[in-house]
PDB file of N, CA and C in Angstrom:
ATOM      1  N   MET A   1      24.488 -52.940 -28.659  1.00  0.00           N
ATOM      2  CA  MET A   1      24.765 -52.500 -27.572  1.00  0.00           C
ATOM      3  C   MET A   1      23.826 -53.598 -26.539  1.00  0.00           C
ATOM      4  N   THR A   2      24.897 -53.592 -25.561  1.00  0.00           N
ATOM      5  CA  THR A   2      23.859 -54.847 -24.214  1.00  0.00           C
ATOM      6  C   THR A   2      22.908 -54.118 -23.586  1.00  0.00           C
ATOM      7  N   GLN A   3      21.851 -54.461 -23.143  1.00  0.00           N
ATOM      8  CA  GLN A   3      21.060 -53.566 -21.838  1.00  0.00           C
ATOM      9  C   GLN A   3      22.223 -52.956 -20.820  1.00  0.00           C
ATOM     10  N   ARG A   4      22.728 -52.860 -20.697  1.00  0.00           N
ATOM     11  CA  ARG A   4      24.092 -52.805 -19.633  1.00  0.00           C
ATOM     12  C   ARG A   4      24.773 -52.015 -20.088  1.00  0.00           C
ATOM     13  N   GLU A   5      25.219 -51.801 -21.560  1.00  0.00           N
ATOM     14  CA  GLU A   5      25.909 -50.444 -22.158  1.00  0.00           C
ATOM     15  C   GLU A   5      24.832 -49.252 -22.082  1.00  0.00           C
ATOM     16  N   LEU A   6      23.828 -49.849 -22.264  1.00  0.00           N
ATOM     17  CA  LEU A   6      22.653 -48.742 -22.777  1.00  0.00           C
ATOM     18  C   LEU A   6      22.294 -48.047 -21.278  1.00  0.00           C
ATOM     19  N   LYS A   7      22.121 -48.969 -20.611  1.00  0.00           N
ATOM     20  CA  LYS A   7      22.198 -48.315 -18.718  1.00  0.00           C
ATOM     21  C   LYS A   7      23.184 -47.144 -18.681  1.00  0.00           C
ATOM     22  N   ILE A   8      24.744 -47.765 -18.810  1.00  0.00           N
ATOM     23  CA  ILE A   8      25.480 -46.607 -18.077  1.00  0.00           C
ATOM     24  C   ILE A   8      25.465 -45.837 -19.689  1.00  0.00           C
ATOM     25  N   VAL A   9      25.179 -45.783 -20.757  1.00  0.00           N
ATOM     26  CA  VAL A   9      24.971 -44.235 -21.435  1.00  0.00           C
ATOM     27  C   VAL A   9      23.746 -43.695 -20.716  1.00  0.00           C
ATOM     28  N   GLY A  10      23.306 -44.106 -20.673  1.00  0.00           N
ATOM     29  CA  GLY A  10      21.745 -43.523 -20.525  1.00  0.00           C
ATOM     30  C   GLY A  10      21.830 -42.783 -18.384  1.00  0.00           C
ATOM     31  N   ALA A  11      22.812 -43.497 -18.031  1.00  0.00           N
ATOM     32  CA  ALA A  11      23.352 -42.896 -17.118  1.00  0.00           C
ATOM     33  C   ALA A  11      24.008 -41.929 -16.857  1.00  0.00           C
ATOM     34  N   SER A  12      24.888 -42.161 -17.944  1.00  0.00           N
ATOM     35  CA  SER A  12      26.283 -40.792 -18.272  1.00  0.00           C
ATOM     36  C   SER A  12      24.907 -39.743 -18.749  1.00  0.00           C
ATOM     37  N   ALA A  13      24.560 -39.805 -19.776  1.00  0.00           N
ATOM     38  CA  ALA A  13      23.733 -38.972 -20.320  1.00  0.00           C
ATOM     39  C   ALA A  13      23.079 -37.919 -18.939  1.00  0.00           C
ATOM     40  N   TYR A  14      22.251 -38.495 -18.164  1.00  0.00           N
ATOM     41  CA  TYR A  14      21.465 -38.046 -17.525  1.00  0.00           C
ATOM     42  C   TYR A  14      22.488 -37.672 -16.208  1.00  0.00           C
ATOM     43  N   GLN A  15      23.769 -38.189 -16.142  1.00  0.00           N
ATOM     44  CA  GLN A  15      24.580 -36.938 -15.196  1.00  0.00           C
ATOM     45  C   GLN A  15      25.044 -35.901 -16.043  1.00  0.00           C
ATOM     46  N   ILE A  16      25.191 -35.916 -17.180  1.00  0.00           N
ATOM     47  CA  ILE A  16      25.987 -35.075 -18.140  1.00  0.00           C
ATOM     48  C   ILE A  16      24.801 -34.067 -18.357  1.00  0.00           C
ATOM     49  N   ARG A  17      23.345 -34.417 -18.203  1.00  0.00           N
ATOM     50  CA  ARG A  17      22.695 -33.162 -17.811  1.00  0.00           C
ATOM     51  C   ARG A  17      22.190 -32.683 -16.820  1.00  0.00           C
ATOM     52  N   HIS A  18      22.462 -33.291 -15.805  1.00  0.00           N
ATOM     53  CA  HIS A  18      22.271 -33.033 -14.590  1.00  0.00           C
ATOM     54  C   HIS A  18      23.243 -31.878 -14.254  1.00  0.00           C
ATOM     55  N   LEU A  19      24.633 -32.091 -14.434  1.00  0.00           N
ATOM     56  CA  LEU A  19      25.997 -31.330 -13.883  1.00  0.00           C
ATOM     57  C   LEU A  19      25.467 -30.373 -14.992  1.00  0.00           C
ATOM     58  N   ALA A  20      25.247 -29.972 -16.189  1.00  0.00           N
ATOM     59  CA  ALA A  20      24.932 -28.721 -17.093  1.00  0.00           C
ATOM     60  C   ALA A  20      23.492 -28.382 -16.002  1.00  0.00           C
ATOM     61  N   THR A  21      22.535 -28.176 -16.098  1.00  0.00           N
ATOM     62  CA  THR A  21      21.873 -27.962 -15.511  1.00  0.00           C
ATOM     63  C   THR A  21      22.325 -26.959 -13.620  1.00  0.00           C
ATOM     64  N   THR A  22      22.878 -27.857 -13.317  1.00  0.00           N
ATOM     65  CA  THR A  22      23.004 -27.467 -12.042  1.00  0.00           C
ATOM     66  C   THR A  22      24.372 -26.118 -12.180  1.00  0.00           C
ATOM     67  N   GLU A  23      25.013 -26.651 -12.978  1.00  0.00           N
ATOM     68  CA  GLU A  23      26.133 -25.652 -13.845  1.00  0.00           C
ATOM     69  C   GLU A  23      25.100 -24.197 -14.277  1.00  0.00           C
ATOM     70  N   LEU A  24      24.575 -24.045 -14.312  1.00  0.00           N
ATOM     71  CA  LEU A  24      23.734 -23.325 -15.220  1.00  0.00           C
ATOM     72  C   LEU A  24      22.643 -22.707 -13.970  1.00  0.00           C
ATOM     73  N   ALA A  25      22.271 -23.275 -13.025  1.00  0.00           N
ATOM     74  CA  ALA A  25      21.532 -22.961 -12.052  1.00  0.00           C
ATOM     75  C   ALA A  25      22.474 -21.688 -11.259  1.00  0.00           C
ATOM     76  N   LYS A  26      23.689 -22.772 -10.858  1.00  0.00           N
ATOM     77  CA  LYS A  26      25.055 -21.732 -10.322  1.00  0.00           C
ATOM     78  C   LYS A  26      25.128 -20.180 -10.963  1.00  0.00           C
ATOM     79  N   LEU A  27      25.447 -20.417 -12.542  1.00  0.00           N
ATOM     80  CA  LEU A  27      25.488 -18.918 -12.931  1.00  0.00           C
ATOM     81  C   LEU A  27      24.569 -18.167 -12.858  1.00  0.00           C
ATOM     82  N   LYS A  28      23.586 -18.797 -12.852  1.00  0.00           N
ATOM     83  CA  LYS A  28      22.290 -17.683 -13.002  1.00  0.00           C
ATOM     84  C   LYS A  28      21.909 -17.176 -11.623  1.00  0.00           C
ATOM     85  N   GLN A  29      22.539 -17.914 -10.243  1.00  0.00           N
ATOM     86  CA  GLN A  29      22.823 -17.269  -9.067  1.00  0.00           C
ATOM     87  C   GLN A  29      23.694 -16.424  -9.320  1.00  0.00           C
ATOM     88  N   MET A  30      24.958 -16.352  -9.466  1.00  0.00           N
ATOM     89  CA  MET A  30      26.211 -15.535  -9.195  1.00  0.00           C
ATOM     90  C   MET A  30      25.878 -14.327 -10.284  1.00  0.00           C
ATOM     91  N   THR A  31      25.067 -14.396 -11.296  1.00  0.00           N
ATOM     92  CA  THR A  31      24.652 -13.551 -12.210  1.00  0.00           C
ATOM     93  C   THR A  31      23.488 -12.916 -10.970  1.00  0.00           C
ATOM     94  N   GLN A  32      22.438 -12.758 -10.469  1.00  0.00           N
ATOM     95  CA  GLN A  32      21.901 -12.567  -9.901  1.00  0.00           C
ATOM     96  C   GLN A  32      22.523 -11.881  -8.579  1.00  0.00           C
ATOM     97  N   LEU A  33      23.074 -12.361  -7.712  1.00  0.00           N
ATOM     98  CA  LEU A  33      24.104 -11.774  -7.326  1.00  0.00           C
ATOM     99  C   LEU A  33      24.840 -10.764  -7.322  1.00  0.00           C
ATOM    100  N   GLY A  34      25.585 -10.749  -8.480  1.00  0.00           N
ATOM    101  CA  GLY A  34      26.550  -9.716  -8.756  1.00  0.00           C
ATOM    102  C   GLY A  34      25.510  -8.481  -9.484  1.00  0.00           C
ATOM    103  N   ASN A  35      23.927  -8.643  -9.729  1.00  0.00           N
ATOM    104  CA  ASN A  35      23.108  -7.721 -10.380  1.00  0.00           C
ATOM    105  C   ASN A  35      22.662  -7.035  -9.177  1.00  0.00           C
ATOM    106  N   GLN A  36      22.472  -8.055  -7.945  1.00  0.00           N
ATOM    107  CA  GLN A  36      22.045  -7.215  -7.076  1.00  0.00           C
ATOM    108  C   GLN A  36      23.127  -6.223  -6.415  1.00  0.00           C
ATOM    109  N   GLN A  37      24.443  -6.613  -6.102  1.00  0.00           N
ATOM    110  CA  GLN A  37      25.762  -5.869  -5.740  1.00  0.00           C
ATOM    111  C   GLN A  37      25.406  -4.594  -6.462  1.00  0.00           C
ATOM    112  N   ILE A  38      25.813  -4.377  -7.823  1.00  0.00           N
ATOM    113  CA  ILE A  38      25.612  -3.358  -8.702  1.00  0.00           C
ATOM    114  C   ILE A  38      24.473  -2.571  -8.282  1.00  0.00           C
ATOM    115  N   ILE A  39      23.515  -3.010  -8.035  1.00  0.00           N
ATOM    116  CA  ILE A  39      22.337  -2.240  -7.617  1.00  0.00           C
ATOM    117  C   ILE A  39      22.365  -1.430  -6.332  1.00  0.00           C
ATOM    118  N   GLN A  40      22.426  -2.634  -5.496  1.00  0.00           N
ATOM    119  CA  GLN A  40      23.449  -1.421  -4.331  1.00  0.00           C
ATOM    120  C   GLN A  40      24.451  -1.014  -4.159  1.00  0.00           C
ATOM    121  N   ALA A  41      24.949  -1.312  -4.977  1.00  0.00           N
ATOM    122  CA  ALA A  41      26.389  -0.165  -5.149  1.00  0.00           C
ATOM    123  C   ALA A  41      25.919   1.227  -5.962  1.00  0.00           C
ATOM    124  N   LYS A  42      24.791   1.098  -6.820  1.00  0.00           N
ATOM    125  CA  LYS A  42      24.351   2.608  -7.553  1.00  0.00           C
ATOM    126  C   LYS A  42      23.733   3.218  -6.279  1.00  0.00           C
ATOM    127  N   ILE A  43      22.951   2.667  -5.818  1.00  0.00           N
ATOM    128  CA  ILE A  43      21.868   3.140  -4.507  1.00  0.00           C
ATOM    129  C   ILE A  43      22.732   3.923  -3.437  1.00  0.00           C
ATOM    130  N   MET A  44      24.090   3.112  -3.291  1.00  0.00           N
ATOM    131  CA  MET A  44      24.935   3.835  -2.141  1.00  0.00           C
ATOM    132  C   MET A  44      25.928   5.056  -2.831  1.00  0.00           C
ATOM    133  N   LYS A  45      26.329   5.471  -4.348  1.00  0.00           N
ATOM    134  CA  LYS A  45      26.822   6.018  -4.755  1.00  0.00           C
ATOM    135  C   LYS A  45      25.826   7.422  -5.074  1.00  0.00           C
ATOM    136  N   GLY A  46      24.233   7.245  -5.125  1.00  0.00           N
ATOM    137  CA  GLY A  46      23.242   8.202  -5.167  1.00  0.00           C
ATOM    138  C   GLY A  46      23.137   8.950  -3.726  1.00  0.00           C
ATOM    139  N   GLN A  47      23.146   8.147  -3.190  1.00  0.00           N
ATOM    140  CA  GLN A  47      22.763   8.735  -1.855  1.00  0.00           C
ATOM    141  C   GLN A  47      23.989   9.552  -1.340  1.00  0.00           C
ATOM    142  N   THR A  48      25.466   9.144  -1.797  1.00  0.00           N
ATOM    143  CA  THR A  48      26.568   9.658  -1.234  1.00  0.00           C
ATOM    144  C   THR A  48      26.471  11.105  -1.970  1.00  0.00           C
ATOM    145  N   ARG A  49      26.059  10.881  -3.431  1.00  0.00           N
ATOM    146  CA  ARG A  49      25.752  12.308  -4.397  1.00  0.00           C
ATOM    147  C   ARG A  49      25.085  12.862  -3.207  1.00  0.00           C
ATOM    148  N   TYR A  50      23.507  12.594  -3.383  1.00  0.00           N
ATOM    149  CA  TYR A  50      22.583  13.364  -2.551  1.00  0.00           C
ATOM    150  C   TYR A  50      23.258  14.001  -1.192  1.00  0.00           C
ATOM    151  N   LEU A  51      23.638  13.056   0.091  1.00  0.00           N
ATOM    152  CA  LEU A  51      24.625  13.849   1.279  1.00  0.00           C
ATOM    153  C   LEU A  51      25.318  14.459   0.825  1.00  0.00           C
ATOM    154  N   ASN A  52      26.260  14.925   0.348  1.00  0.00           N
ATOM    155  CA  ASN A  52      27.057  15.410  -0.233  1.00  0.00           C
ATOM    156  C   ASN A  52      26.885  17.166  -0.530  1.00  0.00           C
ATOM    157  N   LYS A  53      25.392  17.102  -2.049  1.00  0.00           N
ATOM    158  CA  LYS A  53      24.670  17.753  -2.652  1.00  0.00           C
ATOM    159  C   LYS A  53      24.040  18.677  -1.027  1.00  0.00           C
ATOM    160  N   GLU A  54      23.725  17.918  -0.430  1.00  0.00           N
ATOM    161  CA  GLU A  54      22.583  18.586   1.197  1.00  0.00           C
ATOM    162  C   GLU A  54      23.612  19.436   1.554  1.00  0.00           C
ATOM    163  N   VAL A  55      25.225  19.203   1.961  1.00  0.00           N
ATOM    164  CA  VAL A  55      26.285  19.290   2.731  1.00  0.00           C
ATOM    165  C   VAL A  55      26.721  20.643   2.199  1.00  0.00           C
ATOM    166  N   ARG A  56      27.096  20.438   0.703  1.00  0.00           N
ATOM    167  CA  ARG A  56      27.287  21.528  -0.130  1.00  0.00           C
ATOM    168  C   ARG A  56      26.675  22.958   0.234  1.00  0.00           C
ATOM    169  N   GLN A  57      24.942  22.506  -0.068  1.00  0.00           N
ATOM    170  CA  GLN A  57      24.509  23.642  -0.162  1.00  0.00           C
ATOM    171  C   GLN A  57      24.049  23.936   1.223  1.00  0.00           C
ATOM    172  N   GLY A  58      24.234  23.578   2.259  1.00  0.00           N
ATOM    173  CA  GLY A  58      23.884  24.019   3.921  1.00  0.00           C
ATOM    174  C   GLY A  58      25.439  24.845   3.960  1.00  0.00           C
ATOM    175  N   ASP A  59      26.587  24.919   3.547  1.00  0.00           N
ATOM    176  CA  ASP A  59      27.329  25.484   3.590  1.00  0.00           C
ATOM    177  C   ASP A  59      27.159  27.177   3.142  1.00  0.00           C
ATOM    178  N   THR A  60      26.407  27.020   1.714  1.00  0.00           N
ATOM    179  CA  THR A  60      26.186  28.142   1.501  1.00  0.00           C
ATOM    180  C   THR A  60      24.823  29.095   1.688  1.00  0.00           C
ATOM    181  N   GLY A  61      24.549  28.092   2.836  1.00  0.00           N
ATOM    182  CA  GLY A  61      23.193  28.862   3.482  1.00  0.00           C
ATOM    183  C   GLY A  61      21.704  28.420   2.961  1.00  0.00           C
ATOM    184  N   ILE A  62      21.968  27.953   1.893  1.00  0.00           N
ATOM    185  CA  ILE A  62      20.725  26.903   1.166  1.00  0.00           C
ATOM    186  C   ILE A  62      19.335  26.362   1.949  1.00  0.00           C
ATOM    187  N   THR A  63      20.365  25.174   2.608  1.00  0.00           N
ATOM    188  CA  THR A  63      19.875  24.296   3.456  1.00  0.00           C
ATOM    189  C   THR A  63      20.287  23.027   3.862  1.00  0.00           C
ATOM    190  N   ASN A  64      20.031  22.782   4.854  1.00  0.00           N
ATOM    191  CA  ASN A  64      21.049  21.557   5.460  1.00  0.00           C
ATOM    192  C   ASN A  64      20.138  20.968   6.733  1.00  0.00           C
ATOM    193  N   ASN A  65      19.883  19.782   6.506  1.00  0.00           N
ATOM    194  CA  ASN A  65      19.139  18.807   7.209  1.00  0.00           C
ATOM    195  C   ASN A  65      19.815  17.918   8.600  1.00  0.00           C
ATOM    196  N   TYR A  66      20.959  18.086   8.464  1.00  0.00           N
ATOM    197  CA  TYR A  66      22.061  17.667   9.296  1.00  0.00           C
ATOM    198  C   TYR A  66      22.863  18.715  10.147  1.00  0.00           C
ATOM    199  N   PRO A  67      21.894  18.580  11.358  1.00  0.00           N
ATOM    200  CA  PRO A  67      22.640  20.036  12.409  1.00  0.00           C
ATOM    201  C   PRO A  67      23.554  19.662  13.174  1.00  0.00           C
ATOM    202  N   ARG A  68      23.318  18.115  13.399  1.00  0.00           N
ATOM    203  CA  ARG A  68      24.654  17.457  14.307  1.00  0.00           C
ATOM    204  C   ARG A  68      26.070  17.537  13.825  1.00  0.00           C
ATOM    205  N   LEU A  69      25.843  17.712  12.216  1.00  0.00           N
ATOM    206  CA  LEU A  69      27.119  18.039  11.381  1.00  0.00           C
ATOM    207  C   LEU A  69      27.677  19.588  11.497  1.00  0.00           C
ATOM    208  N   LEU A  70      26.597  20.337  11.403  1.00  0.00           N
ATOM    209  CA  LEU A  70      26.909  21.718  11.659  1.00  0.00           C
ATOM    210  C   LEU A  70      27.519  21.762  13.129  1.00  0.00           C
ATOM    211  N   GLY A  71      27.160  21.284  14.068  1.00  0.00           N
ATOM    212  CA  GLY A  71      27.760  21.627  15.521  1.00  0.00           C
ATOM    213  C   GLY A  71      28.888  21.219  15.528  1.00  0.00           C
ATOM    214  N   ARG A  72      29.026  19.941  14.416  1.00  0.00           N
ATOM    215  CA  ARG A  72      30.284  18.916  14.588  1.00  0.00           C
ATOM    216  C   ARG A  72      31.557  20.237  13.922  1.00  0.00           C
ATOM    217  N   GLN A  73      31.010  21.015  13.329  1.00  0.00           N
ATOM    218  CA  GLN A  73      31.864  21.651  12.085  1.00  0.00           C
ATOM    219  C   GLN A  73      31.869  23.348  13.348  1.00  0.00           C
ATOM    220  N   GLY A  74      31.268  23.165  14.385  1.00  0.00           N
ATOM    221  CA  GLY A  74      31.787  24.475  15.318  1.00  0.00           C
ATOM    222  C   GLY A  74      30.170  25.608  14.746  1.00  0.00           C
ATOM    223  N   ILE A  75      29.218  25.487  14.177  1.00  0.00           N
ATOM    224  CA  ILE A  75      28.674  26.137  13.752  1.00  0.00           C
ATOM    225  C   ILE A  75      27.226  26.336  14.564  1.00  0.00           C
ATOM    226  N   SER A  76      26.574  27.320  15.111  1.00  0.00           N
ATOM    227  CA  SER A  76      25.698  27.101  16.072  1.00  0.00           C
ATOM    228  C   SER A  76      24.549  26.786  15.426  1.00  0.00           C
ATOM    229  N   TYR A  77      23.232  25.843  15.527  1.00  0.00           N
ATOM    230  CA  TYR A  77      22.358  25.488  15.019  1.00  0.00           C
ATOM    231  C   TYR A  77      21.156  25.985  15.748  1.00  0.00           C
ATOM    232  N   HIS A  78      21.330  26.867  16.964  1.00  0.00           N
ATOM    233  CA  HIS A  78      20.044  26.990  17.892  1.00  0.00           C
ATOM    234  C   HIS A  78      19.521  28.650  17.674  1.00  0.00           C
TER     235      HIS A  78
END
C-alpha cells in the first residue's frame, strides 16, 4: 500500500470508530431518557394511588386532607 492508501484506510477507521462512538452515546442518552420517563411515570402512578386512597378514606370518614374537594362535592367542612 502506498502512503496515500494508508492515510485513507486510517481515516476510514477513524470515521468508523467515531461514528460507532457517537451512535453508542446517542443510545445511552436515549436509554437514560427512557429510564427517566419510566421513573416519572412510576412516581405519578404512586401519587395517583395515594391521592385516590386519601379521597376514599375521606369518604368513609377516616381522613381527608383535601377540604376543597369536599366543598366541591357539596360536603361542608367548616
